[in-house]
Amino acid sequence: MSATRRLVLQGGLAGLAMPGAALAQDGQLRIVVPFAAGSGTDNAARVFGEAVRLATGRSVMVDNKPGGGTSIGSLEVSRARPDGATVLLTTGGHTTNAVLSRKLPYDSIEGFTPIMLLTRSQGFGLIVGGGSRFKTIQEFLAAAKAEPGKLTYGSSGIGNTTHVVGELFCRSAQVQLTHVPYKSTPINDAMTGTIDCFFVSPSLIMQYLKADKLRALGVSSAQRIALLPDVPTFAEFGIEADIPGWSGFWGPANLPPALVESLFQTLSRGAQEKSFQTYARDNGSEVVCLPPAEFKAYVVSEIERYRRVLPPLGIQVD
């Protein structure tokens, strides 16, 4: 092929690629959240979407697709057109599903294109309703040991990280709690006392903690959380149940590199917007903006770690 013909062909291919790149920069971006409206991840997505609009001028639609321990929303994005118009904002359940679910309808790594790790958070909290009879973790543990299986804890689905932390807590604390899986989040039922407690990253419920609608009895992080300095760590009571909390963006499988880069730049600008930085700080999250290759490597390492940690817990997803 002549040099002239190569240049013509390359120019034609570049022209064909331009509409997709333009869409990734200018068209409406749909952020699929695999949790219900009002959940912590949903609230964060909406604040983030507005930050993207302010930073880039690009409109954002948050689309809630709860259920299946995050697999319903994840599957939709995995099968979406790789045109830069749809991304998935998900959390650590993406990694636990990869290990626990034998019937997962997608590959947690190859079924998606990594775009950006958005935030990290400081572990999980043992959370009760604001009107709960339990004021301290000591009171909670005493009741759990006195009546095995009577106290209940909710999670965002079987195999979700909120379930895994609960089982790690029970195993280490040598207590028996009854697990109640939810389609999305058990926040409302914890507030009303329908369940006794749940485990979640405090960064996702800080507004409810500040309003005394929920109460944190303990946190799984190695050190006390700055925003909750009076809440003890599990480790202070000899309990080991810490797993990292994170949120990140994935695109559909086979997303072209040019669109991945465009989306990464768009999402990074939103993450640096003052409104989102303030939101993250006030809720105890660290904004990291880890790029695609590093994000993928992190998730792969987490999946490998869960392959070692999870089997002894006996969690059965399907």
C-alpha atoms as a PDB file:
ATOM      1  CA  MET A   1       0.000   0.000   0.000  1.00  0.00           C
ATOM      2  CA  SER A   2       1.374   3.411  -0.942  1.00  0.00           C
ATOM      3  CA  ALA A   3       2.097   6.081   1.665  1.00  0.00           C
ATOM      4  CA  THR A   4      -0.522   8.327   0.066  1.00  0.00           C
ATOM      5  CA  ARG A   5      -3.183   5.611   0.234  1.00  0.00           C
ATOM      6  CA  ARG A   6      -2.259   4.879   3.878  1.00  0.00           C
ATOM      7  CA  LEU A   7      -2.737   8.545   4.750  1.00  0.00           C
ATOM      8  CA  VAL A   8      -6.097   8.653   3.004  1.00  0.00           C
ATOM      9  CA  LEU A   9      -7.229   5.470   4.758  1.00  0.00           C
ATOM     10  CA  GLN A  10      -6.034   6.692   8.143  1.00  0.00           C
ATOM     11  CA  GLY A  11      -7.813   9.976   7.617  1.00  0.00           C
ATOM     12  CA  GLY A  12     -11.023   8.160   6.709  1.00  0.00           C
ATOM     13  CA  LEU A  13     -10.806   5.951   9.791  1.00  0.00           C
ATOM     14  CA  ALA A  14     -10.142   8.966  11.977  1.00  0.00           C
ATOM     15  CA  GLY A  15     -13.218  10.617  10.529  1.00  0.00           C
ATOM     16  CA  LEU A  16     -15.296   7.549  11.352  1.00  0.00           C
ATOM     17  CA  ALA A  17     -14.010   7.624  14.920  1.00  0.00           C
ATOM     18  CA  MET A  18     -14.879  11.255  15.501  1.00  0.00           C
ATOM     19  CA  PRO A  19     -18.651  10.866  16.139  1.00  0.00           C
ATOM     20  CA  GLY A  20     -18.028   8.490  19.042  1.00  0.00           C
ATOM     21  CA  ALA A  21     -15.374  10.743  20.536  1.00  0.00           C
ATOM     22  CA  ALA A  22     -17.689  13.713  20.200  1.00  0.00           C
ATOM     23  CA  LEU A  23     -20.465  11.756  21.936  1.00  0.00           C
ATOM     24  CA  ALA A  24     -18.137  10.845  24.782  1.00  0.00           C
ATOM     25  CA  GLN A  25     -17.375  14.519  25.319  1.00  0.00           C
ATOM     26  CA  ASP A  26     -20.661  16.240  24.558  1.00  0.00           C
ATOM     27  CA  GLY A  27     -23.680  13.887  24.632  1.00  0.00           C
ATOM     28  CA  GLN A  28     -25.660  13.069  27.747  1.00  0.00           C
ATOM     29  CA  LEU A  29     -23.840  10.646  30.007  1.00  0.00           C
ATOM     30  CA  ARG A  30     -25.930   7.928  31.681  1.00  0.00           C
ATOM     31  CA  ILE A  31     -24.553   6.734  35.003  1.00  0.00           C
ATOM     32  CA  VAL A  32     -26.109   3.402  35.938  1.00  0.00           C
ATOM     33  CA  VAL A  33     -26.235   2.898  39.707  1.00  0.00           C
ATOM     34  CA  PRO A  34     -27.001  -0.708  40.743  1.00  0.00           C
ATOM     35  CA  PHE A  35     -28.670   0.486  43.946  1.00  0.00           C
ATOM     36  CA  ALA A  36     -32.042   2.066  44.683  1.00  0.00           C
ATOM     37  CA  ALA A  37     -32.752   5.790  44.696  1.00  0.00           C
ATOM     38  CA  GLY A  38     -31.885   7.276  48.071  1.00  0.00           C
ATOM     39  CA  SER A  39     -29.030   4.853  48.746  1.00  0.00           C
ATOM     40  CA  GLY A  40     -25.607   6.202  49.609  1.00  0.00           C
ATOM     41  CA  THR A  41     -24.155   5.380  46.202  1.00  0.00           C
ATOM     42  CA  ASP A  42     -27.153   6.978  44.499  1.00  0.00           C
ATOM     43  CA  ASN A  43     -26.733  10.183  46.519  1.00  0.00           C
ATOM     44  CA  ALA A  44     -23.043  10.308  45.649  1.00  0.00           C
ATOM     45  CA  ALA A  45     -23.802   9.703  41.964  1.00  0.00           C
ATOM     46  CA  ARG A  46     -26.234  12.614  41.851  1.00  0.00           C
ATOM     47  CA  VAL A  47     -23.801  15.002  43.495  1.00  0.00           C
ATOM     48  CA  PHE A  48     -21.107  13.763  41.132  1.00  0.00           C
ATOM     49  CA  GLY A  49     -23.338  14.118  38.073  1.00  0.00           C
ATOM     50  CA  GLU A  50     -23.970  17.767  38.893  1.00  0.00           C
ATOM     51  CA  ALA A  51     -20.236  18.252  39.413  1.00  0.00           C
ATOM     52  CA  VAL A  52     -19.563  16.838  35.925  1.00  0.00           C
ATOM     53  CA  ARG A  53     -22.108  19.255  34.485  1.00  0.00           C
ATOM     54  CA  LEU A  54     -20.507  22.207  36.236  1.00  0.00           C
ATOM     55  CA  ALA A  55     -17.000  21.165  35.232  1.00  0.00           C
ATOM     56  CA  THR A  56     -17.614  20.149  31.617  1.00  0.00           C
ATOM     57  CA  GLY A  57     -21.068  21.322  30.589  1.00  0.00           C
ATOM     58  CA  ARG A  58     -22.058  17.741  29.829  1.00  0.00           C
ATOM     59  CA  SER A  59     -25.470  16.655  31.114  1.00  0.00           C
ATOM     60  CA  VAL A  60     -25.687  13.544  33.280  1.00  0.00           C
ATOM     61  CA  MET A  61     -28.596  11.190  33.979  1.00  0.00           C
ATOM     62  CA  VAL A  62     -28.451   8.851  36.971  1.00  0.00           C
ATOM     63  CA  ASP A  63     -30.290   5.612  36.193  1.00  0.00           C
ATOM     64  CA  ASN A  64     -31.040   3.327  39.152  1.00  0.00           C
ATOM     65  CA  LYS A  65     -31.034  -0.403  38.386  1.00  0.00           C
ATOM     66  CA  PRO A  66     -31.096  -2.157  41.778  1.00  0.00           C
ATOM     67  CA  GLY A  67     -31.294  -5.857  42.530  1.00  0.00           C
ATOM     68  CA  GLY A  68     -29.357  -9.060  42.208  1.00  0.00           C
ATOM     69  CA  GLY A  69     -26.637  -7.881  44.567  1.00  0.00           C
ATOM     70  CA  THR A  70     -25.730  -5.180  41.961  1.00  0.00           C
ATOM     71  CA  SER A  71     -25.715  -7.706  39.087  1.00  0.00           C
ATOM     72  CA  ILE A  72     -28.836  -6.336  37.339  1.00  0.00           C
ATOM     73  CA  GLY A  73     -27.402  -2.874  36.771  1.00  0.00           C
ATOM     74  CA  SER A  74     -23.953  -4.261  36.058  1.00  0.00           C
ATOM     75  CA  LEU A  75     -25.283  -6.632  33.388  1.00  0.00           C
ATOM     76  CA  GLU A  76     -27.077  -3.778  31.644  1.00  0.00           C
ATOM     77  CA  VAL A  77     -23.856  -1.792  31.333  1.00  0.00           C
ATOM     78  CA  SER A  78     -21.833  -4.829  30.305  1.00  0.00           C
ATOM     79  CA  ARG A  79     -24.226  -5.315  27.364  1.00  0.00           C
ATOM     80  CA  ALA A  80     -24.562  -1.627  26.488  1.00  0.00           C
ATOM     81  CA  ARG A  81     -23.240  -0.177  23.242  1.00  0.00           C
ATOM     82  CA  PRO A  82     -19.577   0.816  23.669  1.00  0.00           C
ATOM     83  CA  ASP A  83     -20.223   4.372  22.499  1.00  0.00           C
ATOM     84  CA  GLY A  84     -19.206   6.318  25.604  1.00  0.00           C
ATOM     85  CA  ALA A  85     -22.776   7.189  26.555  1.00  0.00           C
ATOM     86  CA  THR A  86     -23.217   4.716  29.430  1.00  0.00           C
ATOM     87  CA  VAL A  87     -21.063   3.970  32.472  1.00  0.00           C
ATOM     88  CA  LEU A  88     -21.519   1.961  35.651  1.00  0.00           C
ATOM     89  CA  LEU A  89     -20.805   3.406  39.092  1.00  0.00           C
ATOM     90  CA  THR A  90     -20.379   0.496  41.461  1.00  0.00           C
ATOM     91  CA  THR A  91     -18.665  -0.534  44.669  1.00  0.00           C
ATOM     92  CA  GLY A  92     -16.877  -3.457  46.289  1.00  0.00           C
ATOM     93  CA  GLY A  93     -19.749  -5.852  45.634  1.00  0.00           C
ATOM     94  CA  HIS A  94     -18.404  -6.018  42.086  1.00  0.00           C
ATOM     95  CA  THR A  95     -15.429  -7.966  43.445  1.00  0.00           C
ATOM     96  CA  THR A  96     -17.249 -10.210  45.909  1.00  0.00           C
ATOM     97  CA  ASN A  97     -19.766 -11.199  43.234  1.00  0.00           C
ATOM     98  CA  ALA A  98     -16.874 -12.340  41.054  1.00  0.00           C
ATOM     99  CA  VAL A  99     -15.894 -14.862  43.727  1.00  0.00           C
ATOM    100  CA  LEU A 100     -19.214 -15.907  45.244  1.00  0.00           C
ATOM    101  CA  SER A 101     -21.639 -16.040  42.316  1.00  0.00           C
ATOM    102  CA  ARG A 102     -21.341 -19.127  40.125  1.00  0.00           C
ATOM    103  CA  LYS A 103     -24.127 -17.913  37.802  1.00  0.00           C
ATOM    104  CA  LEU A 104     -22.974 -14.338  37.316  1.00  0.00           C
ATOM    105  CA  PRO A 105     -24.082 -13.402  33.749  1.00  0.00           C
ATOM    106  CA  TYR A 106     -20.883 -11.504  32.989  1.00  0.00           C
ATOM    107  CA  ASP A 107     -17.170 -11.568  33.722  1.00  0.00           C
ATOM    108  CA  SER A 108     -16.421  -8.945  36.376  1.00  0.00           C
ATOM    109  CA  ILE A 109     -13.216  -7.913  34.584  1.00  0.00           C
ATOM    110  CA  GLU A 110     -13.445  -8.876  30.911  1.00  0.00           C
ATOM    111  CA  GLY A 111     -17.134  -8.018  30.711  1.00  0.00           C
ATOM    112  CA  PHE A 112     -16.368  -4.332  31.280  1.00  0.00           C
ATOM    113  CA  THR A 113     -13.862  -1.623  30.465  1.00  0.00           C
ATOM    114  CA  PRO A 114     -12.281  -0.011  33.535  1.00  0.00           C
ATOM    115  CA  ILE A 115     -12.404   3.776  33.483  1.00  0.00           C
ATOM    116  CA  MET A 116     -11.622   5.223  36.911  1.00  0.00           C
ATOM    117  CA  LEU A 117     -11.507   4.394  40.610  1.00  0.00           C
ATOM    118  CA  LEU A 118     -13.362   7.373  42.053  1.00  0.00           C
ATOM    119  CA  THR A 119     -13.162   7.101  45.840  1.00  0.00           C
ATOM    120  CA  ARG A 120     -11.860   5.055  48.726  1.00  0.00           C
ATOM    121  CA  SER A 121     -13.474   5.070  52.147  1.00  0.00           C
ATOM    122  CA  GLN A 122     -12.368   4.113  55.620  1.00  0.00           C
ATOM    123  CA  GLY A 123     -13.919   0.726  56.144  1.00  0.00           C
ATOM    124  CA  PHE A 124     -17.413  -0.157  57.316  1.00  0.00           C
ATOM    125  CA  GLY A 125     -19.487   0.714  60.343  1.00  0.00           C
ATOM    126  CA  LEU A 126     -21.811  -1.299  62.574  1.00  0.00           C
ATOM    127  CA  ILE A 127     -24.927   0.873  62.290  1.00  0.00           C
ATOM    128  CA  VAL A 128     -28.168   0.864  64.299  1.00  0.00           C
ATOM    129  CA  GLY A 129     -31.232   3.096  64.167  1.00  0.00           C
ATOM    130  CA  GLY A 130     -31.247   6.386  66.024  1.00  0.00           C
ATOM    131  CA  GLY A 131     -33.880   5.015  68.398  1.00  0.00           C
ATOM    132  CA  SER A 132     -32.133   1.698  68.988  1.00  0.00           C
ATOM    133  CA  ARG A 133     -31.733   0.392  72.542  1.00  0.00           C
ATOM    134  CA  PHE A 134     -28.059  -0.165  71.768  1.00  0.00           C
ATOM    135  CA  LYS A 135     -25.927   2.839  72.611  1.00  0.00           C
ATOM    136  CA  THR A 136     -22.523   1.106  72.570  1.00  0.00           C
ATOM    137  CA  ILE A 137     -20.878  -1.818  70.836  1.00  0.00           C
ATOM    138  CA  GLN A 138     -20.443  -3.453  74.251  1.00  0.00           C
ATOM    139  CA  GLU A 139     -24.223  -3.475  74.767  1.00  0.00           C
ATOM    140  CA  PHE A 140     -24.740  -4.873  71.293  1.00  0.00           C
ATOM    141  CA  LEU A 141     -22.215  -7.677  71.732  1.00  0.00           C
ATOM    142  CA  ALA A 142     -23.615  -8.611  75.131  1.00  0.00           C
ATOM    143  CA  ALA A 143     -27.134  -8.933  73.710  1.00  0.00           C
ATOM    144  CA  ALA A 144     -25.924 -10.883  70.677  1.00  0.00           C
ATOM    145  CA  LYS A 145     -24.076 -13.371  72.870  1.00  0.00           C
ATOM    146  CA  ALA A 146     -26.985 -13.701  75.307  1.00  0.00           C
ATOM    147  CA  GLU A 147     -29.501 -14.571  72.578  1.00  0.00           C
ATOM    148  CA  PRO A 148     -27.754 -16.176  69.576  1.00  0.00           C
ATOM    149  CA  GLY A 149     -29.580 -15.607  66.300  1.00  0.00           C
ATOM    150  CA  LYS A 150     -32.180 -13.193  67.701  1.00  0.00           C
ATOM    151  CA  LEU A 151     -30.589  -9.970  66.488  1.00  0.00           C
ATOM    152  CA  THR A 152     -30.799  -9.249  62.770  1.00  0.00           C
ATOM    153  CA  TYR A 153     -28.545  -7.433  60.345  1.00  0.00           C
ATOM    154  CA  GLY A 154     -29.434  -6.239  56.871  1.00  0.00           C
ATOM    155  CA  SER A 155     -27.275  -6.113  53.783  1.00  0.00           C
ATOM    156  CA  SER A 156     -27.541  -4.889  50.204  1.00  0.00           C
ATOM    157  CA  GLY A 157     -27.815  -8.466  48.965  1.00  0.00           C
ATOM    158  CA  ILE A 158     -26.286 -11.893  49.400  1.00  0.00           C
ATOM    159  CA  GLY A 159     -22.569 -11.726  48.668  1.00  0.00           C
ATOM    160  CA  ASN A 160     -22.410  -7.939  48.731  1.00  0.00           C
ATOM    161  CA  THR A 161     -19.557  -6.436  50.758  1.00  0.00           C
ATOM    162  CA  THR A 162     -22.134  -5.361  53.368  1.00  0.00           C
ATOM    163  CA  HIS A 163     -22.947  -9.066  53.771  1.00  0.00           C
ATOM    164  CA  VAL A 164     -19.297 -10.136  53.789  1.00  0.00           C
ATOM    165  CA  VAL A 165     -18.399  -7.647  56.526  1.00  0.00           C
ATOM    166  CA  GLY A 166     -21.339  -8.879  58.579  1.00  0.00           C
ATOM    167  CA  GLU A 167     -20.163 -12.480  58.364  1.00  0.00           C
ATOM    168  CA  LEU A 168     -16.556 -11.516  59.130  1.00  0.00           C
ATOM    169  CA  PHE A 169     -17.819  -9.592  62.164  1.00  0.00           C
ATOM    170  CA  CYS A 170     -19.889 -12.533  63.418  1.00  0.00           C
ATOM    171  CA  ARG A 171     -17.027 -14.952  62.962  1.00  0.00           C
ATOM    172  CA  SER A 172     -14.433 -12.779  64.700  1.00  0.00           C
ATOM    173  CA  ALA A 173     -16.728 -11.572  67.495  1.00  0.00           C
ATOM    174  CA  GLN A 174     -18.081 -15.116  67.985  1.00  0.00           C
ATOM    175  CA  VAL A 175     -21.704 -14.033  67.776  1.00  0.00           C
ATOM    176  CA  GLN A 176     -24.641 -15.254  65.705  1.00  0.00           C
ATOM    177  CA  LEU A 177     -26.726 -12.636  63.882  1.00  0.00           C
ATOM    178  CA  THR A 178     -29.535 -13.437  61.460  1.00  0.00           C
ATOM    179  CA  HIS A 179     -28.851 -12.088  57.986  1.00  0.00           C
ATOM    180  CA  VAL A 180     -31.639 -10.239  56.130  1.00  0.00           C
ATOM    181  CA  PRO A 181     -30.660  -9.488  52.499  1.00  0.00           C
ATOM    182  CA  TYR A 182     -32.258  -6.530  50.732  1.00  0.00           C
ATOM    183  CA  LYS A 183     -32.661  -5.673  47.067  1.00  0.00           C
ATOM    184  CA  SER A 184     -30.788  -2.446  47.671  1.00  0.00           C
ATOM    185  CA  THR A 185     -30.193  -0.771  51.026  1.00  0.00           C
ATOM    186  CA  PRO A 186     -31.617  -1.543  54.503  1.00  0.00           C
ATOM    187  CA  ILE A 187     -31.308   2.071  55.693  1.00  0.00           C
ATOM    188  CA  ASN A 188     -35.039   2.706  56.146  1.00  0.00           C
ATOM    189  CA  ASP A 189     -35.664  -0.546  58.008  1.00  0.00           C
ATOM    190  CA  ALA A 190     -32.742   0.189  60.316  1.00  0.00           C
ATOM    191  CA  MET A 191     -34.211   3.602  61.087  1.00  0.00           C
ATOM    192  CA  THR A 192     -37.580   2.097  61.967  1.00  0.00           C
ATOM    193  CA  GLY A 193     -36.144  -0.795  63.957  1.00  0.00           C
ATOM    194  CA  THR A 194     -37.392  -3.476  61.560  1.00  0.00           C
ATOM    195  CA  ILE A 195     -33.835  -4.827  61.633  1.00  0.00           C
ATOM    196  CA  ASP A 196     -31.394  -4.388  64.495  1.00  0.00           C
ATOM    197  CA  CYS A 197     -28.385  -3.248  62.513  1.00  0.00           C
ATOM    198  CA  PHE A 198     -26.496  -3.227  59.233  1.00  0.00           C
ATOM    199  CA  PHE A 199     -22.952  -2.756  58.027  1.00  0.00           C
ATOM    200  CA  VAL A 200     -22.057   0.011  55.596  1.00  0.00           C
ATOM    201  CA  SER A 201     -19.353   2.547  54.879  1.00  0.00           C
ATOM    202  CA  PRO A 202     -20.089   5.574  57.102  1.00  0.00           C
ATOM    203  CA  SER A 203     -19.226   7.773  54.115  1.00  0.00           C
ATOM    204  CA  LEU A 204     -22.492   6.669  52.467  1.00  0.00           C
ATOM    205  CA  ILE A 205     -24.763   7.522  55.401  1.00  0.00           C
ATOM    206  CA  MET A 206     -23.092  10.498  57.053  1.00  0.00           C
ATOM    207  CA  GLN A 207     -26.164  12.686  56.553  1.00  0.00           C
ATOM    208  CA  TYR A 208     -28.256  10.246  58.586  1.00  0.00           C
ATOM    209  CA  LEU A 209     -25.619   9.937  61.301  1.00  0.00           C
ATOM    210  CA  LYS A 210     -25.414  13.712  61.634  1.00  0.00           C
ATOM    211  CA  ALA A 211     -29.216  13.911  61.874  1.00  0.00           C
ATOM    212  CA  ASP A 212     -29.261  11.182  64.586  1.00  0.00           C
ATOM    213  CA  LYS A 213     -31.470   9.000  62.408  1.00  0.00           C
ATOM    214  CA  LEU A 214     -28.763   6.338  62.547  1.00  0.00           C
ATOM    215  CA  ARG A 215     -26.020   5.607  65.084  1.00  0.00           C
ATOM    216  CA  ALA A 216     -22.574   4.092  64.527  1.00  0.00           C
ATOM    217  CA  LEU A 217     -21.481   1.678  67.253  1.00  0.00           C
ATOM    218  CA  GLY A 218     -18.107   0.773  65.756  1.00  0.00           C
ATOM    219  CA  VAL A 219     -15.987   0.986  62.618  1.00  0.00           C
ATOM    220  CA  SER A 220     -13.885  -1.634  60.868  1.00  0.00           C
ATOM    221  CA  SER A 221     -11.004   0.676  59.924  1.00  0.00           C
ATOM    222  CA  ALA A 222      -7.605   0.286  61.562  1.00  0.00           C
ATOM    223  CA  GLN A 223      -7.919   3.692  63.204  1.00  0.00           C
ATOM    224  CA  ARG A 224     -10.848   5.805  64.336  1.00  0.00           C
ATOM    225  CA  ILE A 225     -12.449   7.907  61.599  1.00  0.00           C
ATOM    226  CA  ALA A 226     -11.845  11.648  61.815  1.00  0.00           C
ATOM    227  CA  LEU A 227     -15.529  12.450  61.251  1.00  0.00           C
ATOM    228  CA  LEU A 228     -16.547   9.975  63.991  1.00  0.00           C
ATOM    229  CA  PRO A 229     -13.793  10.366  66.581  1.00  0.00           C
ATOM    230  CA  ASP A 230     -15.896   8.998  69.444  1.00  0.00           C
ATOM    231  CA  VAL A 231     -16.814   5.784  67.631  1.00  0.00           C
ATOM    232  CA  PRO A 232     -14.437   2.929  68.526  1.00  0.00           C
ATOM    233  CA  THR A 233     -12.848   0.559  66.040  1.00  0.00           C
ATOM    234  CA  PHE A 234     -13.715  -3.130  65.964  1.00  0.00           C
ATOM    235  CA  ALA A 235     -10.034  -3.799  66.660  1.00  0.00           C
ATOM    236  CA  GLU A 236     -10.379  -2.159  70.077  1.00  0.00           C
ATOM    237  CA  PHE A 237     -12.574  -5.134  70.984  1.00  0.00           C
ATOM    238  CA  GLY A 238     -10.403  -7.741  69.276  1.00  0.00           C
ATOM    239  CA  ILE A 239     -12.676  -7.995  66.232  1.00  0.00           C
ATOM    240  CA  GLU A 240     -11.149  -8.289  62.745  1.00  0.00           C
ATOM    241  CA  ALA A 241     -13.632  -7.480  59.988  1.00  0.00           C
ATOM    242  CA  ASP A 242     -12.041  -4.846  57.795  1.00  0.00           C
ATOM    243  CA  ILE A 243     -12.345  -4.767  54.026  1.00  0.00           C
ATOM    244  CA  PRO A 244     -11.780  -1.691  51.852  1.00  0.00           C
ATOM    245  CA  GLY A 245     -14.643   0.443  50.640  1.00  0.00           C
ATOM    246  CA  TRP A 246     -14.431   1.981  47.181  1.00  0.00           C
ATOM    247  CA  SER A 247     -16.453   3.276  44.256  1.00  0.00           C
ATOM    248  CA  GLY A 248     -15.470   3.319  40.612  1.00  0.00           C
ATOM    249  CA  PHE A 249     -16.599   3.668  37.018  1.00  0.00           C
ATOM    250  CA  TRP A 250     -16.742   0.944  34.364  1.00  0.00           C
ATOM    251  CA  GLY A 251     -17.804   1.143  30.752  1.00  0.00           C
ATOM    252  CA  PRO A 252     -19.214  -1.613  28.541  1.00  0.00           C
ATOM    253  CA  ALA A 253     -16.883  -4.278  27.200  1.00  0.00           C
ATOM    254  CA  ASN A 254     -14.755  -3.317  24.196  1.00  0.00           C
ATOM    255  CA  LEU A 255     -14.946   0.415  24.782  1.00  0.00           C
ATOM    256  CA  PRO A 256     -12.449   2.004  22.329  1.00  0.00           C
ATOM    257  CA  PRO A 257      -9.310   3.467  23.965  1.00  0.00           C
ATOM    258  CA  ALA A 258     -10.083   6.968  22.663  1.00  0.00           C
ATOM    259  CA  LEU A 259     -13.469   6.905  24.411  1.00  0.00           C
ATOM    260  CA  VAL A 260     -11.935   5.491  27.594  1.00  0.00           C
ATOM    261  CA  GLU A 261      -9.489   8.388  27.690  1.00  0.00           C
ATOM    262  CA  SER A 262     -12.234  10.912  26.945  1.00  0.00           C
ATOM    263  CA  LEU A 263     -14.438   9.506  29.709  1.00  0.00           C
ATOM    264  CA  PHE A 264     -11.555   9.418  32.149  1.00  0.00           C
ATOM    265  CA  GLN A 265     -10.858  13.095  31.507  1.00  0.00           C
ATOM    266  CA  THR A 266     -14.542  13.999  31.861  1.00  0.00           C
ATOM    267  CA  LEU A 267     -14.987  12.038  35.089  1.00  0.00           C
ATOM    268  CA  SER A 268     -11.716  13.339  36.522  1.00  0.00           C
ATOM    269  CA  ARG A 269     -12.824  16.913  35.962  1.00  0.00           C
ATOM    270  CA  GLY A 270     -16.081  16.184  37.746  1.00  0.00           C
ATOM    271  CA  ALA A 271     -14.198  14.602  40.639  1.00  0.00           C
ATOM    272  CA  GLN A 272     -12.037  17.712  41.011  1.00  0.00           C
ATOM    273  CA  GLU A 273     -15.047  20.043  41.074  1.00  0.00           C
ATOM    274  CA  LYS A 274     -15.258  21.813  44.435  1.00  0.00           C
ATOM    275  CA  SER A 275     -18.826  20.666  45.124  1.00  0.00           C
ATOM    276  CA  PHE A 276     -17.901  16.986  44.868  1.00  0.00           C
ATOM    277  CA  GLN A 277     -14.641  17.426  46.760  1.00  0.00           C
ATOM    278  CA  THR A 278     -16.599  19.008  49.602  1.00  0.00           C
ATOM    279  CA  TYR A 279     -19.231  16.265  49.506  1.00  0.00           C
ATOM    280  CA  ALA A 280     -16.591  13.540  49.615  1.00  0.00           C
ATOM    281  CA  ARG A 281     -14.663  15.196  52.433  1.00  0.00           C
ATOM    282  CA  ASP A 282     -17.790  15.787  54.502  1.00  0.00           C
ATOM    283  CA  ASN A 283     -18.715  12.125  54.104  1.00  0.00           C
ATOM    284  CA  GLY A 284     -15.314  10.680  54.891  1.00  0.00           C
ATOM    285  CA  SER A 285     -14.301   9.565  51.391  1.00  0.00           C
ATOM    286  CA  GLU A 286     -10.970  10.095  49.660  1.00  0.00           C
ATOM    287  CA  VAL A 287     -11.186  11.131  46.002  1.00  0.00           C
ATOM    288  CA  VAL A 288      -8.452   9.216  44.151  1.00  0.00           C
ATOM    289  CA  CYS A 289      -9.178   9.292  40.377  1.00  0.00           C
ATOM    290  CA  LEU A 290      -7.110   6.187  39.674  1.00  0.00           C
ATOM    291  CA  PRO A 291      -6.700   5.738  35.879  1.00  0.00           C
ATOM    292  CA  PRO A 292      -7.960   2.675  33.949  1.00  0.00           C
ATOM    293  CA  ALA A 293      -4.932   0.362  34.090  1.00  0.00           C
ATOM    294  CA  GLU A 294      -4.308   0.972  37.782  1.00  0.00           C
ATOM    295  CA  PHE A 295      -8.011   0.638  38.576  1.00  0.00           C
ATOM    296  CA  LYS A 296      -8.142  -2.726  36.818  1.00  0.00           C
ATOM    297  CA  ALA A 297      -5.020  -3.945  38.616  1.00  0.00           C
ATOM    298  CA  TYR A 298      -6.530  -2.922  41.958  1.00  0.00           C
ATOM    299  CA  VAL A 299      -9.796  -4.776  41.320  1.00  0.00           C
ATOM    300  CA  VAL A 300      -7.970  -7.889  40.085  1.00  0.00           C
ATOM    301  CA  SER A 301      -5.888  -7.906  43.291  1.00  0.00           C
ATOM    302  CA  GLU A 302      -9.043  -7.523  45.386  1.00  0.00           C
ATOM    303  CA  ILE A 303     -10.701 -10.455  43.636  1.00  0.00           C
ATOM    304  CA  GLU A 304      -7.647 -12.609  44.322  1.00  0.00           C
ATOM    305  CA  ARG A 305      -7.717 -11.583  47.982  1.00  0.00           C
ATOM    306  CA  TYR A 306     -11.390 -12.476  48.269  1.00  0.00           C
ATOM    307  CA  ARG A 307     -10.684 -15.901  46.782  1.00  0.00           C
ATOM    308  CA  ARG A 308      -8.654 -16.527  49.937  1.00  0.00           C
ATOM    309  CA  VAL A 309     -10.885 -14.742  52.458  1.00  0.00           C
ATOM    310  CA  LEU A 310     -14.423 -15.681  51.450  1.00  0.00           C
ATOM    311  CA  PRO A 311     -14.600 -19.512  51.200  1.00  0.00           C
ATOM    312  CA  PRO A 312     -14.344 -20.075  54.981  1.00  0.00           C
ATOM    313  CA  LEU A 313     -17.413 -17.866  55.511  1.00  0.00           C
ATOM    314  CA  GLY A 314     -19.652 -20.324  53.659  1.00  0.00           C
ATOM    315  CA  ILE A 315     -21.629 -17.627  51.842  1.00  0.00           C
ATOM    316  CA  GLN A 316     -23.789 -19.078  49.045  1.00  0.00           C
ATOM    317  CA  VAL A 317     -25.057 -16.666  46.376  1.00  0.00           C
ATOM    318  CA  ASP A 318     -26.626 -19.137  43.938  1.00  0.00           C
END
